[in-house]
């Protein structure tokens, strides 16, 4: 974790329409959002992702959890908590690019690679998506293969399908409202 020593992460767990959610927070910044079937699984994953950090349960994480859950359930809602991206310079560029993809739209891995200025780095984009620690809110689910198929997703292709369907439904309903 270059540039910032993090002695502890505050964690909180909640439920979303996609399953159990775990958030890890330090100093008001969101370090991780994980999805899973139960708290134990997510706690194990947090300990794997952050092996040298103490995990604590604090009110600050519960406050952030509420913000995260609202943003997960309402994809057009902007997250109010700052995201702290832990990754290489390239991974962070990919994740920042993904944040610009509008709700209800997708990009191919090749388009993302070109969008971050490295069109030859398609596999590296896929790797960045696979190592994303901020589920749903850094929208790796909006990245698909060049043939239009879903490809993989760290939290499973079933969830990727559900997320994209929900966003498409939201976008379609907004278009119907505007277009009459």
C-alpha atoms as a PDB file:
ATOM      1  CA  UNK A   1       0.000   0.000   0.000  1.00  0.00           C
ATOM      2  CA  UNK A   2       2.302   2.694  -1.264  1.00  0.00           C
ATOM      3  CA  UNK A   3       2.241   6.100   0.317  1.00  0.00           C
ATOM      4  CA  UNK A   4      -0.089   5.362   3.192  1.00  0.00           C
ATOM      5  CA  UNK A   5       0.379   3.162   6.249  1.00  0.00           C
ATOM      6  CA  UNK A   6      -2.907   1.570   7.250  1.00  0.00           C
ATOM      7  CA  UNK A   7      -2.774  -0.082  10.685  1.00  0.00           C
ATOM      8  CA  UNK A   8      -6.434  -1.125  10.772  1.00  0.00           C
ATOM      9  CA  UNK A   9      -9.534  -1.296   8.644  1.00  0.00           C
ATOM     10  CA  UNK A  10     -12.980  -0.849  10.119  1.00  0.00           C
ATOM     11  CA  UNK A  11     -15.471  -3.365   8.753  1.00  0.00           C
ATOM     12  CA  UNK A  12     -19.228  -3.718   8.607  1.00  0.00           C
ATOM     13  CA  UNK A  13     -21.576  -6.262   7.081  1.00  0.00           C
ATOM     14  CA  UNK A  14     -25.021  -5.814   5.570  1.00  0.00           C
ATOM     15  CA  UNK A  15     -27.506  -7.347   3.173  1.00  0.00           C
ATOM     16  CA  UNK A  16     -28.247  -6.247  -0.363  1.00  0.00           C
ATOM     17  CA  UNK A  17     -30.483  -7.723  -3.015  1.00  0.00           C
ATOM     18  CA  UNK A  18     -27.288  -9.412  -4.285  1.00  0.00           C
ATOM     19  CA  UNK A  19     -26.327 -11.068  -0.996  1.00  0.00           C
ATOM     20  CA  UNK A  20     -24.146 -10.247   1.986  1.00  0.00           C
ATOM     21  CA  UNK A  21     -21.951  -7.158   1.625  1.00  0.00           C
ATOM     22  CA  UNK A  22     -18.764  -6.414   3.552  1.00  0.00           C
ATOM     23  CA  UNK A  23     -17.156  -2.985   3.566  1.00  0.00           C
ATOM     24  CA  UNK A  24     -13.678  -2.105   4.799  1.00  0.00           C
ATOM     25  CA  UNK A  25     -12.983   1.526   5.662  1.00  0.00           C
ATOM     26  CA  UNK A  26     -10.079   3.573   6.974  1.00  0.00           C
ATOM     27  CA  UNK A  27     -10.119   7.247   7.794  1.00  0.00           C
ATOM     28  CA  UNK A  28     -13.405   7.806   5.947  1.00  0.00           C
ATOM     29  CA  UNK A  29     -12.221   6.136   2.729  1.00  0.00           C
ATOM     30  CA  UNK A  30     -13.643   2.963   1.242  1.00  0.00           C
ATOM     31  CA  UNK A  31     -10.947   0.316   0.733  1.00  0.00           C
ATOM     32  CA  UNK A  32     -13.083  -2.696  -0.116  1.00  0.00           C
ATOM     33  CA  UNK A  33     -16.611  -3.829  -0.931  1.00  0.00           C
ATOM     34  CA  UNK A  34     -17.047  -7.578  -1.144  1.00  0.00           C
ATOM     35  CA  UNK A  35     -20.082  -9.687  -1.969  1.00  0.00           C
ATOM     36  CA  UNK A  36     -20.754 -13.224  -0.818  1.00  0.00           C
ATOM     37  CA  UNK A  37     -23.084 -15.689   0.797  1.00  0.00           C
ATOM     38  CA  UNK A  38     -22.130 -15.146   4.445  1.00  0.00           C
ATOM     39  CA  UNK A  39     -20.066 -13.043   6.844  1.00  0.00           C
ATOM     40  CA  UNK A  40     -17.530 -15.783   7.556  1.00  0.00           C
ATOM     41  CA  UNK A  41     -16.659 -16.163   3.867  1.00  0.00           C
ATOM     42  CA  UNK A  42     -16.295 -12.401   3.477  1.00  0.00           C
ATOM     43  CA  UNK A  43     -14.231 -12.018   6.641  1.00  0.00           C
ATOM     44  CA  UNK A  44     -11.868 -14.729   5.371  1.00  0.00           C
ATOM     45  CA  UNK A  45     -11.576 -12.907   2.042  1.00  0.00           C
ATOM     46  CA  UNK A  46     -10.836  -9.589   3.784  1.00  0.00           C
ATOM     47  CA  UNK A  47      -8.122 -11.278   5.862  1.00  0.00           C
ATOM     48  CA  UNK A  48      -6.660 -12.705   2.655  1.00  0.00           C
ATOM     49  CA  UNK A  49      -6.758  -9.345   0.849  1.00  0.00           C
ATOM     50  CA  UNK A  50      -5.312  -7.435   3.808  1.00  0.00           C
ATOM     51  CA  UNK A  51      -3.149  -9.991   5.679  1.00  0.00           C
ATOM     52  CA  UNK A  52      -1.136  -7.506   7.765  1.00  0.00           C
ATOM     53  CA  UNK A  53      -3.997  -5.304   8.860  1.00  0.00           C
ATOM     54  CA  UNK A  54      -6.142  -5.472  11.963  1.00  0.00           C
ATOM     55  CA  UNK A  55      -9.860  -5.565  11.217  1.00  0.00           C
ATOM     56  CA  UNK A  56     -12.159  -3.804  13.681  1.00  0.00           C
ATOM     57  CA  UNK A  57     -15.848  -3.085  13.878  1.00  0.00           C
ATOM     58  CA  UNK A  58     -16.532   0.640  14.212  1.00  0.00           C
ATOM     59  CA  UNK A  59     -19.440   3.015  13.704  1.00  0.00           C
ATOM     60  CA  UNK A  60     -17.635   4.719  10.807  1.00  0.00           C
ATOM     61  CA  UNK A  61     -17.835   1.502   8.792  1.00  0.00           C
ATOM     62  CA  UNK A  62     -21.552   1.154   9.536  1.00  0.00           C
ATOM     63  CA  UNK A  63     -22.143   4.687   8.218  1.00  0.00           C
ATOM     64  CA  UNK A  64     -20.198   3.890   5.037  1.00  0.00           C
ATOM     65  CA  UNK A  65     -22.058   0.577   4.704  1.00  0.00           C
ATOM     66  CA  UNK A  66     -25.334   2.504   4.508  1.00  0.00           C
ATOM     67  CA  UNK A  67     -23.927   4.707   1.714  1.00  0.00           C
ATOM     68  CA  UNK A  68     -22.586   1.641  -0.143  1.00  0.00           C
ATOM     69  CA  UNK A  69     -25.867  -0.286   0.136  1.00  0.00           C
ATOM     70  CA  UNK A  70     -27.841   2.687  -1.189  1.00  0.00           C
ATOM     71  CA  UNK A  71     -25.474   2.989  -4.165  1.00  0.00           C
ATOM     72  CA  UNK A  72     -25.583  -0.748  -4.892  1.00  0.00           C
ATOM     73  CA  UNK A  73     -29.389  -0.779  -4.822  1.00  0.00           C
ATOM     74  CA  UNK A  74     -29.686   2.438  -6.853  1.00  0.00           C
ATOM     75  CA  UNK A  75     -26.963   2.294  -9.547  1.00  0.00           C
ATOM     76  CA  UNK A  76     -27.561   5.880 -10.682  1.00  0.00           C
ATOM     77  CA  UNK A  77     -26.950   7.171  -7.143  1.00  0.00           C
ATOM     78  CA  UNK A  78     -23.485   8.588  -6.659  1.00  0.00           C
ATOM     79  CA  UNK A  79     -21.465   7.122  -3.799  1.00  0.00           C
ATOM     80  CA  UNK A  80     -20.688   9.813  -1.234  1.00  0.00           C
ATOM     81  CA  UNK A  81     -17.741   8.007   0.374  1.00  0.00           C
ATOM     82  CA  UNK A  82     -14.334   8.473  -1.276  1.00  0.00           C
ATOM     83  CA  UNK A  83     -12.856   5.310  -2.770  1.00  0.00           C
ATOM     84  CA  UNK A  84      -9.259   4.411  -1.968  1.00  0.00           C
ATOM     85  CA  UNK A  85      -7.991   2.302  -4.872  1.00  0.00           C
ATOM     86  CA  UNK A  86      -5.295  -0.187  -3.916  1.00  0.00           C
ATOM     87  CA  UNK A  87      -3.547  -1.400  -7.022  1.00  0.00           C
ATOM     88  CA  UNK A  88      -0.873  -0.718  -9.573  1.00  0.00           C
ATOM     89  CA  UNK A  89      -0.912   2.528 -11.534  1.00  0.00           C
ATOM     90  CA  UNK A  90      -2.366   0.646 -14.516  1.00  0.00           C
ATOM     91  CA  UNK A  91      -5.092  -1.049 -12.445  1.00  0.00           C
ATOM     92  CA  UNK A  92      -6.121   2.283 -10.955  1.00  0.00           C
ATOM     93  CA  UNK A  93      -6.326   3.834 -14.451  1.00  0.00           C
ATOM     94  CA  UNK A  94      -8.590   0.967 -15.521  1.00  0.00           C
ATOM     95  CA  UNK A  95     -10.797   1.328 -12.448  1.00  0.00           C
ATOM     96  CA  UNK A  96     -11.082   5.113 -12.916  1.00  0.00           C
ATOM     97  CA  UNK A  97     -12.045   4.522 -16.561  1.00  0.00           C
ATOM     98  CA  UNK A  98     -14.732   2.026 -15.509  1.00  0.00           C
ATOM     99  CA  UNK A  99     -16.266   4.703 -13.291  1.00  0.00           C
ATOM    100  CA  UNK A 100     -16.963   6.729 -16.465  1.00  0.00           C
ATOM    101  CA  UNK A 101     -19.067   4.006 -18.125  1.00  0.00           C
ATOM    102  CA  UNK A 102     -22.698   5.107 -17.811  1.00  0.00           C
ATOM    103  CA  UNK A 103     -25.220   2.904 -16.044  1.00  0.00           C
ATOM    104  CA  UNK A 104     -26.852   0.563 -18.568  1.00  0.00           C
ATOM    105  CA  UNK A 105     -23.889   0.589 -20.970  1.00  0.00           C
ATOM    106  CA  UNK A 106     -20.996  -1.804 -21.477  1.00  0.00           C
ATOM    107  CA  UNK A 107     -17.525  -1.617 -22.965  1.00  0.00           C
ATOM    108  CA  UNK A 108     -15.347  -4.404 -24.274  1.00  0.00           C
ATOM    109  CA  UNK A 109     -12.021  -5.240 -22.686  1.00  0.00           C
ATOM    110  CA  UNK A 110     -10.402  -3.890 -25.880  1.00  0.00           C
ATOM    111  CA  UNK A 111     -12.320  -0.605 -25.620  1.00  0.00           C
ATOM    112  CA  UNK A 112     -11.229  -0.205 -22.007  1.00  0.00           C
ATOM    113  CA  UNK A 113      -7.599  -0.937 -22.963  1.00  0.00           C
ATOM    114  CA  UNK A 114      -7.789   1.722 -25.688  1.00  0.00           C
ATOM    115  CA  UNK A 115      -9.550   4.081 -23.280  1.00  0.00           C
ATOM    116  CA  UNK A 116      -6.645   3.932 -20.839  1.00  0.00           C
ATOM    117  CA  UNK A 117      -4.142   4.500 -23.634  1.00  0.00           C
ATOM    118  CA  UNK A 118      -2.809   0.941 -23.924  1.00  0.00           C
ATOM    119  CA  UNK A 119      -4.777  -0.817 -26.677  1.00  0.00           C
ATOM    120  CA  UNK A 120      -2.492  -3.867 -26.528  1.00  0.00           C
ATOM    121  CA  UNK A 121      -3.238  -4.438 -22.811  1.00  0.00           C
ATOM    122  CA  UNK A 122      -6.540  -6.321 -23.142  1.00  0.00           C
ATOM    123  CA  UNK A 123      -5.453  -9.150 -20.820  1.00  0.00           C
ATOM    124  CA  UNK A 124      -4.120  -6.665 -18.285  1.00  0.00           C
ATOM    125  CA  UNK A 125      -7.547  -4.978 -18.286  1.00  0.00           C
ATOM    126  CA  UNK A 126      -9.171  -8.347 -17.581  1.00  0.00           C
ATOM    127  CA  UNK A 127      -6.681  -8.886 -14.766  1.00  0.00           C
ATOM    128  CA  UNK A 128      -7.464  -5.445 -13.310  1.00  0.00           C
ATOM    129  CA  UNK A 129     -11.160  -6.309 -13.365  1.00  0.00           C
ATOM    130  CA  UNK A 130     -10.436  -9.605 -11.628  1.00  0.00           C
ATOM    131  CA  UNK A 131      -8.472  -7.939  -8.830  1.00  0.00           C
ATOM    132  CA  UNK A 132     -10.945  -5.134  -8.176  1.00  0.00           C
ATOM    133  CA  UNK A 133     -11.648  -4.900  -4.431  1.00  0.00           C
ATOM    134  CA  UNK A 134     -14.682  -2.591  -4.792  1.00  0.00           C
ATOM    135  CA  UNK A 135     -17.551  -4.807  -5.983  1.00  0.00           C
ATOM    136  CA  UNK A 136     -20.307  -3.217  -8.093  1.00  0.00           C
ATOM    137  CA  UNK A 137     -19.269   0.378  -7.312  1.00  0.00           C
ATOM    138  CA  UNK A 138     -16.212   0.090  -9.545  1.00  0.00           C
ATOM    139  CA  UNK A 139     -18.328  -1.436 -12.308  1.00  0.00           C
ATOM    140  CA  UNK A 140     -16.233  -4.269 -13.734  1.00  0.00           C
ATOM    141  CA  UNK A 141     -19.550  -5.937 -14.520  1.00  0.00           C
ATOM    142  CA  UNK A 142     -19.915  -3.423 -17.385  1.00  0.00           C
ATOM    143  CA  UNK A 143     -16.945  -4.928 -19.240  1.00  0.00           C
ATOM    144  CA  UNK A 144     -17.703  -7.671 -21.777  1.00  0.00           C
ATOM    145  CA  UNK A 145     -15.865  -9.649 -24.426  1.00  0.00           C
ATOM    146  CA  UNK A 146     -15.510  -8.323 -27.980  1.00  0.00           C
ATOM    147  CA  UNK A 147     -18.097 -10.855 -29.197  1.00  0.00           C
ATOM    148  CA  UNK A 148     -20.630  -9.430 -26.726  1.00  0.00           C
ATOM    149  CA  UNK A 149     -20.527 -12.408 -24.356  1.00  0.00           C
ATOM    150  CA  UNK A 150     -20.167 -11.665 -20.673  1.00  0.00           C
ATOM    151  CA  UNK A 151     -16.776 -13.174 -19.978  1.00  0.00           C
ATOM    152  CA  UNK A 152     -15.839 -13.751 -16.362  1.00  0.00           C
ATOM    153  CA  UNK A 153     -16.668 -11.814 -13.252  1.00  0.00           C
ATOM    154  CA  UNK A 154     -14.970 -12.075  -9.882  1.00  0.00           C
ATOM    155  CA  UNK A 155     -18.319 -12.516  -8.139  1.00  0.00           C
ATOM    156  CA  UNK A 156     -19.735 -14.896 -10.771  1.00  0.00           C
ATOM    157  CA  UNK A 157     -21.387 -14.496 -14.154  1.00  0.00           C
ATOM    158  CA  UNK A 158     -24.849 -14.995 -12.630  1.00  0.00           C
ATOM    159  CA  UNK A 159     -24.364 -11.834 -10.587  1.00  0.00           C
ATOM    160  CA  UNK A 160     -22.896 -10.020 -13.600  1.00  0.00           C
ATOM    161  CA  UNK A 161     -26.017 -10.950 -15.577  1.00  0.00           C
ATOM    162  CA  UNK A 162     -28.308  -9.706 -12.776  1.00  0.00           C
ATOM    163  CA  UNK A 163     -26.414  -6.416 -12.404  1.00  0.00           C
ATOM    164  CA  UNK A 164     -26.471  -5.683 -16.138  1.00  0.00           C
ATOM    165  CA  UNK A 165     -30.152  -6.665 -16.445  1.00  0.00           C
ATOM    166  CA  UNK A 166     -31.086  -4.362 -13.580  1.00  0.00           C
ATOM    167  CA  UNK A 167     -29.120  -1.461 -15.075  1.00  0.00           C
ATOM    168  CA  UNK A 168     -30.634  -2.074 -18.504  1.00  0.00           C
ATOM    169  CA  UNK A 169     -34.113  -2.152 -16.981  1.00  0.00           C
ATOM    170  CA  UNK A 170     -33.435   1.103 -15.120  1.00  0.00           C
ATOM    171  CA  UNK A 171     -32.110   2.783 -18.245  1.00  0.00           C
ATOM    172  CA  UNK A 172     -34.985   1.513 -20.391  1.00  0.00           C
ATOM    173  CA  UNK A 173     -37.570   2.737 -17.889  1.00  0.00           C
ATOM    174  CA  UNK A 174     -35.917   6.172 -17.789  1.00  0.00           C
ATOM    175  CA  UNK A 175     -35.962   6.343 -21.593  1.00  0.00           C
ATOM    176  CA  UNK A 176     -39.658   5.401 -21.623  1.00  0.00           C
ATOM    177  CA  UNK A 177     -40.388   8.140 -19.062  1.00  0.00           C
ATOM    178  CA  UNK A 178     -38.611  10.784 -21.141  1.00  0.00           C
ATOM    179  CA  UNK A 179     -39.799   9.575 -24.536  1.00  0.00           C
ATOM    180  CA  UNK A 180     -43.357   9.028 -23.443  1.00  0.00           C
END
